[in-house]
Amino acid sequence: NTIEFTGTLHTTVVKQVRLKNPSNNTLAYNAIFVGRDAADFSLPKGSTVTIPPMKQGFLNVEFTIRFLHPAEAVLILFSNKVDRVDGATMTFSLKSEVKNIEPFGMIRYKSPCYEL
């Protein structure tokens, strides 16, 4: 699965990953980022998510678009044992794309273009 972060340069984009638990046991996951631009992604609500039986849990992934080049990383969710049950390890590809560039401000300067 790929999660795409698109937006304006220097903005923060938040995506929510929904995790379903179809089992009758509680599942818990730890999340880490790996890859070239892993440091640019963050988990504002923490890196652990617990999912009750037959319910769903959510994990917010935040990315601030700092550069024009596309950022790439991988989100890995690995299970913590809860009630002696392990969940499957999950991976998500994270990619960014700059769709727009907004100036921070404008400076007007008057100067002669040519002098002898």
C-alpha atoms as a PDB file:
ATOM      1  CA  ASN A   1       0.000   0.000   0.000  1.00  0.00           C
ATOM      2  CA  THR A   2       1.178   3.525  -0.794  1.00  0.00           C
ATOM      3  CA  ILE A   3       0.258   6.637   1.156  1.00  0.00           C
ATOM      4  CA  GLU A   4       0.743   9.832  -0.847  1.00  0.00           C
ATOM      5  CA  PHE A   5       1.415  13.202   0.758  1.00  0.00           C
ATOM      6  CA  THR A   6       0.673  16.006  -1.705  1.00  0.00           C
ATOM      7  CA  GLY A   7       0.514  19.695  -0.978  1.00  0.00           C
ATOM      8  CA  THR A   8       2.146  23.080  -1.074  1.00  0.00           C
ATOM      9  CA  LEU A   9       5.825  23.547  -0.274  1.00  0.00           C
ATOM     10  CA  HIS A  10       6.427  24.229   3.471  1.00  0.00           C
ATOM     11  CA  THR A  11       3.012  22.918   4.558  1.00  0.00           C
ATOM     12  CA  THR A  12       2.302  20.007   6.858  1.00  0.00           C
ATOM     13  CA  VAL A  13       0.151  17.158   5.573  1.00  0.00           C
ATOM     14  CA  VAL A  14      -1.453  14.637   7.939  1.00  0.00           C
ATOM     15  CA  LYS A  15      -2.741  11.271   6.747  1.00  0.00           C
ATOM     16  CA  GLN A  16      -4.647   8.802   8.864  1.00  0.00           C
ATOM     17  CA  VAL A  17      -3.975   5.066   8.566  1.00  0.00           C
ATOM     18  CA  ARG A  18      -6.961   2.927   9.555  1.00  0.00           C
ATOM     19  CA  LEU A  19      -6.156  -0.483  11.003  1.00  0.00           C
ATOM     20  CA  LYS A  20      -8.905  -3.094  11.391  1.00  0.00           C
ATOM     21  CA  ASN A  21      -8.827  -5.936  13.884  1.00  0.00           C
ATOM     22  CA  PRO A  22     -11.071  -8.778  12.687  1.00  0.00           C
ATOM     23  CA  SER A  23      -9.955 -11.117  15.494  1.00  0.00           C
ATOM     24  CA  ASN A  24     -11.349 -11.712  18.973  1.00  0.00           C
ATOM     25  CA  ASN A  25      -8.073 -10.600  20.590  1.00  0.00           C
ATOM     26  CA  THR A  26      -6.612  -7.174  21.282  1.00  0.00           C
ATOM     27  CA  LEU A  27      -3.772  -6.228  18.927  1.00  0.00           C
ATOM     28  CA  ALA A  28      -1.040  -3.668  19.564  1.00  0.00           C
ATOM     29  CA  TYR A  29       1.469  -2.282  17.081  1.00  0.00           C
ATOM     30  CA  ASN A  30       4.633  -0.189  17.244  1.00  0.00           C
ATOM     31  CA  ALA A  31       5.433   2.000  14.246  1.00  0.00           C
ATOM     32  CA  ILE A  32       8.804   3.030  12.834  1.00  0.00           C
ATOM     33  CA  PHE A  33       9.958   4.812   9.696  1.00  0.00           C
ATOM     34  CA  VAL A  34      12.856   3.586   7.565  1.00  0.00           C
ATOM     35  CA  GLY A  35      14.334   4.860   4.331  1.00  0.00           C
ATOM     36  CA  ARG A  36      16.035   7.852   2.755  1.00  0.00           C
ATOM     37  CA  ASP A  37      13.633  10.504   4.095  1.00  0.00           C
ATOM     38  CA  ALA A  38      12.384   8.719   7.224  1.00  0.00           C
ATOM     39  CA  ALA A  39      13.373  11.641   9.465  1.00  0.00           C
ATOM     40  CA  ASP A  40      10.900  13.936   7.669  1.00  0.00           C
ATOM     41  CA  PHE A  41       7.883  11.837   8.736  1.00  0.00           C
ATOM     42  CA  SER A  42       6.490  11.766  12.251  1.00  0.00           C
ATOM     43  CA  LEU A  43       3.747  10.256  14.398  1.00  0.00           C
ATOM     44  CA  PRO A  44       2.238  13.176  16.364  1.00  0.00           C
ATOM     45  CA  LYS A  45       0.058  10.950  18.566  1.00  0.00           C
ATOM     46  CA  GLY A  46       2.803   8.471  19.385  1.00  0.00           C
ATOM     47  CA  SER A  47       4.239   5.387  17.765  1.00  0.00           C
ATOM     48  CA  THR A  48       1.989   2.816  19.459  1.00  0.00           C
ATOM     49  CA  VAL A  49      -1.579   1.908  18.552  1.00  0.00           C
ATOM     50  CA  THR A  50      -3.843  -0.595  20.336  1.00  0.00           C
ATOM     51  CA  ILE A  51      -6.813  -2.083  18.527  1.00  0.00           C
ATOM     52  CA  PRO A  52      -9.602  -3.734  20.575  1.00  0.00           C
ATOM     53  CA  PRO A  53     -11.195  -6.961  19.291  1.00  0.00           C
ATOM     54  CA  MET A  54     -13.489  -6.520  16.268  1.00  0.00           C
ATOM     55  CA  LYS A  55     -12.766  -2.764  16.198  1.00  0.00           C
ATOM     56  CA  GLN A  56     -10.446  -0.432  14.334  1.00  0.00           C
ATOM     57  CA  GLY A  57      -7.605   1.847  15.333  1.00  0.00           C
ATOM     58  CA  PHE A  58      -6.073   4.899  13.712  1.00  0.00           C
ATOM     59  CA  LEU A  59      -2.499   6.072  13.317  1.00  0.00           C
ATOM     60  CA  ASN A  60      -1.780   9.665  12.213  1.00  0.00           C
ATOM     61  CA  VAL A  61       1.260  10.158   9.981  1.00  0.00           C
ATOM     62  CA  GLU A  62       2.563  13.721   9.575  1.00  0.00           C
ATOM     63  CA  PHE A  63       4.872  15.081   6.891  1.00  0.00           C
ATOM     64  CA  THR A  64       6.154  18.629   6.382  1.00  0.00           C
ATOM     65  CA  ILE A  65       7.040  19.315   2.758  1.00  0.00           C
ATOM     66  CA  ARG A  66      10.486  20.934   2.996  1.00  0.00           C
ATOM     67  CA  PHE A  67      12.029  20.191  -0.399  1.00  0.00           C
ATOM     68  CA  LEU A  68      10.939  20.108  -4.037  1.00  0.00           C
ATOM     69  CA  HIS A  69      12.226  16.585  -4.613  1.00  0.00           C
ATOM     70  CA  PRO A  70       9.836  13.728  -3.759  1.00  0.00           C
ATOM     71  CA  ALA A  71      10.370  12.223  -0.322  1.00  0.00           C
ATOM     72  CA  GLU A  72      10.233   8.459   0.175  1.00  0.00           C
ATOM     73  CA  ALA A  73      10.115   6.281   3.264  1.00  0.00           C
ATOM     74  CA  VAL A  74       8.508   3.111   4.560  1.00  0.00           C
ATOM     75  CA  LEU A  75       6.214   2.875   7.582  1.00  0.00           C
ATOM     76  CA  ILE A  76       6.597  -0.468   9.355  1.00  0.00           C
ATOM     77  CA  LEU A  77       4.033  -1.614  11.908  1.00  0.00           C
ATOM     78  CA  PHE A  78       5.218  -4.547  13.988  1.00  0.00           C
ATOM     79  CA  SER A  79       3.133  -6.315  16.566  1.00  0.00           C
ATOM     80  CA  ASN A  80       3.459  -6.233  20.340  1.00  0.00           C
ATOM     81  CA  LYS A  81       2.191  -9.356  22.051  1.00  0.00           C
ATOM     82  CA  VAL A  82      -1.093  -8.715  23.841  1.00  0.00           C
ATOM     83  CA  ASP A  83      -2.929 -11.695  25.365  1.00  0.00           C
ATOM     84  CA  ARG A  84      -0.158 -13.891  23.858  1.00  0.00           C
ATOM     85  CA  VAL A  85      -1.307 -12.991  20.326  1.00  0.00           C
ATOM     86  CA  ASP A  86       0.904 -11.546  17.587  1.00  0.00           C
ATOM     87  CA  GLY A  87      -0.511  -9.559  14.696  1.00  0.00           C
ATOM     88  CA  ALA A  88       0.945  -9.574  11.197  1.00  0.00           C
ATOM     89  CA  THR A  89       3.708  -7.086  10.384  1.00  0.00           C
ATOM     90  CA  MET A  90       2.465  -4.413   7.975  1.00  0.00           C
ATOM     91  CA  THR A  91       4.375  -2.039   5.715  1.00  0.00           C
ATOM     92  CA  PHE A  92       3.265   1.095   3.889  1.00  0.00           C
ATOM     93  CA  SER A  93       5.200   3.024   1.266  1.00  0.00           C
ATOM     94  CA  LEU A  94       5.195   6.799   1.917  1.00  0.00           C
ATOM     95  CA  LYS A  95       5.715   9.238  -0.955  1.00  0.00           C
ATOM     96  CA  SER A  96       5.406  12.998  -1.274  1.00  0.00           C
ATOM     97  CA  GLU A  97       4.782  15.360  -4.145  1.00  0.00           C
ATOM     98  CA  VAL A  98       4.850  19.168  -4.261  1.00  0.00           C
ATOM     99  CA  LYS A  99       1.772  20.433  -6.095  1.00  0.00           C
ATOM    100  CA  ASN A 100       2.206  24.166  -5.539  1.00  0.00           C
ATOM    101  CA  ILE A 101       4.730  26.741  -4.371  1.00  0.00           C
ATOM    102  CA  GLU A 102       3.495  29.775  -2.448  1.00  0.00           C
ATOM    103  CA  PRO A 103       5.893  32.661  -1.735  1.00  0.00           C
ATOM    104  CA  PHE A 104       6.475  33.620   1.885  1.00  0.00           C
ATOM    105  CA  GLY A 105       6.318  37.277   0.911  1.00  0.00           C
ATOM    106  CA  MET A 106       7.375  39.802  -1.670  1.00  0.00           C
ATOM    107  CA  ILE A 107      10.023  42.486  -1.543  1.00  0.00           C
ATOM    108  CA  ARG A 108       9.819  45.503  -3.823  1.00  0.00           C
ATOM    109  CA  TYR A 109      13.077  47.166  -4.675  1.00  0.00           C
ATOM    110  CA  LYS A 110      13.625  50.054  -7.062  1.00  0.00           C
ATOM    111  CA  SER A 111      17.000  50.291  -8.722  1.00  0.00           C
ATOM    112  CA  PRO A 112      18.428  51.517 -11.989  1.00  0.00           C
ATOM    113  CA  CYS A 113      19.005  48.692 -14.435  1.00  0.00           C
ATOM    114  CA  TYR A 114      21.985  50.337 -16.125  1.00  0.00           C
ATOM    115  CA  GLU A 115      24.441  53.117 -15.374  1.00  0.00           C
ATOM    116  CA  LEU A 116      27.306  54.498 -17.468  1.00  0.00           C
END
